[in-house]
Amino acid sequence: MDMINTVTTKGTTTIPKAIREKLDINPGDKVQFLENGDDILIKKAMTLADIRAMSAKYIRGKNITPPTNDEIKEGMANQAVERYENAMKS
């Protein structure tokens, strides 16, 4: 999937619909930008709410794999950053 978008003067761009759908990115979701050499990767940021939802689906026998330890750590770290940022705004 090769797509080119324009970056505005404020540094924003639109994530194409096909990518939002593939990554299940919805309004209000957070995304992470990860450096990989000269490339930037974008992924949906895992939150504790996402971990809880995955765990609940797994416990109820839905056909998903349980969250990995790395996903749980990522969700906890993202939650901590979000709480810190919110506290700094106050």
C-alpha atoms as a PDB file:
ATOM      1  CA  MET A   1       0.000   0.000   0.000  1.00  0.00           C
ATOM      2  CA  ASP A   2       1.825   3.083  -1.281  1.00  0.00           C
ATOM      3  CA  MET A   3       0.204   6.456  -0.611  1.00  0.00           C
ATOM      4  CA  ILE A   4       1.469  10.021  -0.590  1.00  0.00           C
ATOM      5  CA  ASN A   5      -0.127  12.773   1.518  1.00  0.00           C
ATOM      6  CA  THR A   6       0.631  16.433   2.101  1.00  0.00           C
ATOM      7  CA  VAL A   7       1.729  17.737   5.494  1.00  0.00           C
ATOM      8  CA  THR A   8       0.097  21.033   6.509  1.00  0.00           C
ATOM      9  CA  THR A   9       1.929  24.036   7.962  1.00  0.00           C
ATOM     10  CA  LYS A  10       0.845  22.777  11.397  1.00  0.00           C
ATOM     11  CA  GLY A  11       2.519  19.409  10.746  1.00  0.00           C
ATOM     12  CA  THR A  12      -0.691  17.419  10.358  1.00  0.00           C
ATOM     13  CA  THR A  13      -1.723  14.986   7.658  1.00  0.00           C
ATOM     14  CA  THR A  14      -4.671  12.692   7.077  1.00  0.00           C
ATOM     15  CA  ILE A  15      -4.245   8.980   7.560  1.00  0.00           C
ATOM     16  CA  PRO A  16      -5.798   7.414   4.455  1.00  0.00           C
ATOM     17  CA  LYS A  17      -9.059   5.560   5.019  1.00  0.00           C
ATOM     18  CA  ALA A  18      -7.635   2.209   3.868  1.00  0.00           C
ATOM     19  CA  ILE A  19      -4.874   2.443   6.492  1.00  0.00           C
ATOM     20  CA  ARG A  20      -7.287   3.584   9.235  1.00  0.00           C
ATOM     21  CA  GLU A  21      -9.501   0.613   8.463  1.00  0.00           C
ATOM     22  CA  LYS A  22      -6.592  -1.848   8.345  1.00  0.00           C
ATOM     23  CA  LEU A  23      -5.230  -0.622  11.707  1.00  0.00           C
ATOM     24  CA  ASP A  24      -8.734  -0.112  13.198  1.00  0.00           C
ATOM     25  CA  ILE A  25      -7.962   3.553  13.933  1.00  0.00           C
ATOM     26  CA  ASN A  26     -11.074   5.504  14.911  1.00  0.00           C
ATOM     27  CA  PRO A  27     -11.679   9.157  15.872  1.00  0.00           C
ATOM     28  CA  GLY A  28     -10.122   9.795  19.286  1.00  0.00           C
ATOM     29  CA  ASP A  29      -7.647   6.893  19.040  1.00  0.00           C
ATOM     30  CA  LYS A  30      -3.966   7.554  19.596  1.00  0.00           C
ATOM     31  CA  VAL A  31      -1.232   6.545  17.165  1.00  0.00           C
ATOM     32  CA  GLN A  32       2.490   6.049  17.656  1.00  0.00           C
ATOM     33  CA  PHE A  33       5.225   7.155  15.275  1.00  0.00           C
ATOM     34  CA  LEU A  34       8.267   4.901  15.488  1.00  0.00           C
ATOM     35  CA  GLU A  35      11.636   5.654  13.917  1.00  0.00           C
ATOM     36  CA  ASN A  36      13.240   2.793  12.025  1.00  0.00           C
ATOM     37  CA  GLY A  37      16.410   4.092  10.393  1.00  0.00           C
ATOM     38  CA  ASP A  38      15.291   6.557   7.717  1.00  0.00           C
ATOM     39  CA  ASP A  39      11.704   5.303   7.896  1.00  0.00           C
ATOM     40  CA  ILE A  40       8.820   6.242  10.169  1.00  0.00           C
ATOM     41  CA  LEU A  41       6.321   3.546  11.133  1.00  0.00           C
ATOM     42  CA  ILE A  42       2.827   4.374  12.324  1.00  0.00           C
ATOM     43  CA  LYS A  43       0.788   2.065  14.519  1.00  0.00           C
ATOM     44  CA  LYS A  44      -2.270   2.299  16.688  1.00  0.00           C
ATOM     45  CA  ALA A  45      -1.208   3.012  20.261  1.00  0.00           C
ATOM     46  CA  MET A  46      -2.259   0.295  22.668  1.00  0.00           C
ATOM     47  CA  THR A  47      -4.064   1.589  25.757  1.00  0.00           C
ATOM     48  CA  LEU A  48      -5.109  -0.145  28.962  1.00  0.00           C
ATOM     49  CA  ALA A  49      -8.695   0.001  27.701  1.00  0.00           C
ATOM     50  CA  ASP A  50      -7.606  -1.946  24.604  1.00  0.00           C
ATOM     51  CA  ILE A  51      -5.859  -4.517  26.815  1.00  0.00           C
ATOM     52  CA  ARG A  52      -8.979  -4.879  28.980  1.00  0.00           C
ATOM     53  CA  ALA A  53     -11.175  -5.327  25.900  1.00  0.00           C
ATOM     54  CA  MET A  54      -8.827  -7.952  24.432  1.00  0.00           C
ATOM     55  CA  SER A  55      -8.678  -9.789  27.752  1.00  0.00           C
ATOM     56  CA  ALA A  56     -12.454  -9.735  28.159  1.00  0.00           C
ATOM     57  CA  LYS A  57     -12.971 -11.121  24.648  1.00  0.00           C
ATOM     58  CA  TYR A  58     -10.401 -13.844  25.315  1.00  0.00           C
ATOM     59  CA  ILE A  59     -12.036 -14.777  28.644  1.00  0.00           C
ATOM     60  CA  ARG A  60     -15.478 -14.932  26.976  1.00  0.00           C
ATOM     61  CA  GLY A  61     -14.064 -17.398  24.443  1.00  0.00           C
ATOM     62  CA  LYS A  62     -13.980 -15.087  21.444  1.00  0.00           C
ATOM     63  CA  ASN A  63     -11.574 -16.223  18.759  1.00  0.00           C
ATOM     64  CA  ILE A  64      -8.644 -13.927  19.624  1.00  0.00           C
ATOM     65  CA  THR A  65      -5.270 -14.447  21.215  1.00  0.00           C
ATOM     66  CA  PRO A  66      -4.689 -12.974  24.669  1.00  0.00           C
ATOM     67  CA  PRO A  67      -2.642  -9.770  24.894  1.00  0.00           C
ATOM     68  CA  THR A  68       1.098 -10.363  25.012  1.00  0.00           C
ATOM     69  CA  ASN A  69       3.294  -9.094  27.838  1.00  0.00           C
ATOM     70  CA  ASP A  70       4.741  -6.504  25.446  1.00  0.00           C
ATOM     71  CA  GLU A  71       1.237  -5.262  24.562  1.00  0.00           C
ATOM     72  CA  ILE A  72       0.357  -4.992  28.246  1.00  0.00           C
ATOM     73  CA  LYS A  73       3.570  -3.062  28.978  1.00  0.00           C
ATOM     74  CA  GLU A  74       2.911  -0.786  25.995  1.00  0.00           C
ATOM     75  CA  GLY A  75      -0.637  -0.082  27.174  1.00  0.00           C
ATOM     76  CA  MET A  76       0.578   0.731  30.681  1.00  0.00           C
ATOM     77  CA  ALA A  77       3.323   3.021  29.370  1.00  0.00           C
ATOM     78  CA  ASN A  78       0.932   4.859  27.049  1.00  0.00           C
ATOM     79  CA  GLN A  79      -1.550   5.304  29.896  1.00  0.00           C
ATOM     80  CA  ALA A  80       1.178   6.738  32.136  1.00  0.00           C
ATOM     81  CA  VAL A  81       2.258   9.205  29.440  1.00  0.00           C
ATOM     82  CA  GLU A  82      -1.336  10.296  28.854  1.00  0.00           C
ATOM     83  CA  ARG A  83      -1.954  10.839  32.581  1.00  0.00           C
ATOM     84  CA  TYR A  84       1.291  12.829  32.893  1.00  0.00           C
ATOM     85  CA  GLU A  85       0.397  15.008  29.897  1.00  0.00           C
ATOM     86  CA  ASN A  86      -3.072  15.663  31.304  1.00  0.00           C
ATOM     87  CA  ALA A  87      -1.604  16.567  34.710  1.00  0.00           C
ATOM     88  CA  MET A  88       0.814  19.024  33.087  1.00  0.00           C
ATOM     89  CA  LYS A  89      -2.082  20.780  31.332  1.00  0.00           C
ATOM     90  CA  SER A  90      -3.809  21.458  34.660  1.00  0.00           C
END
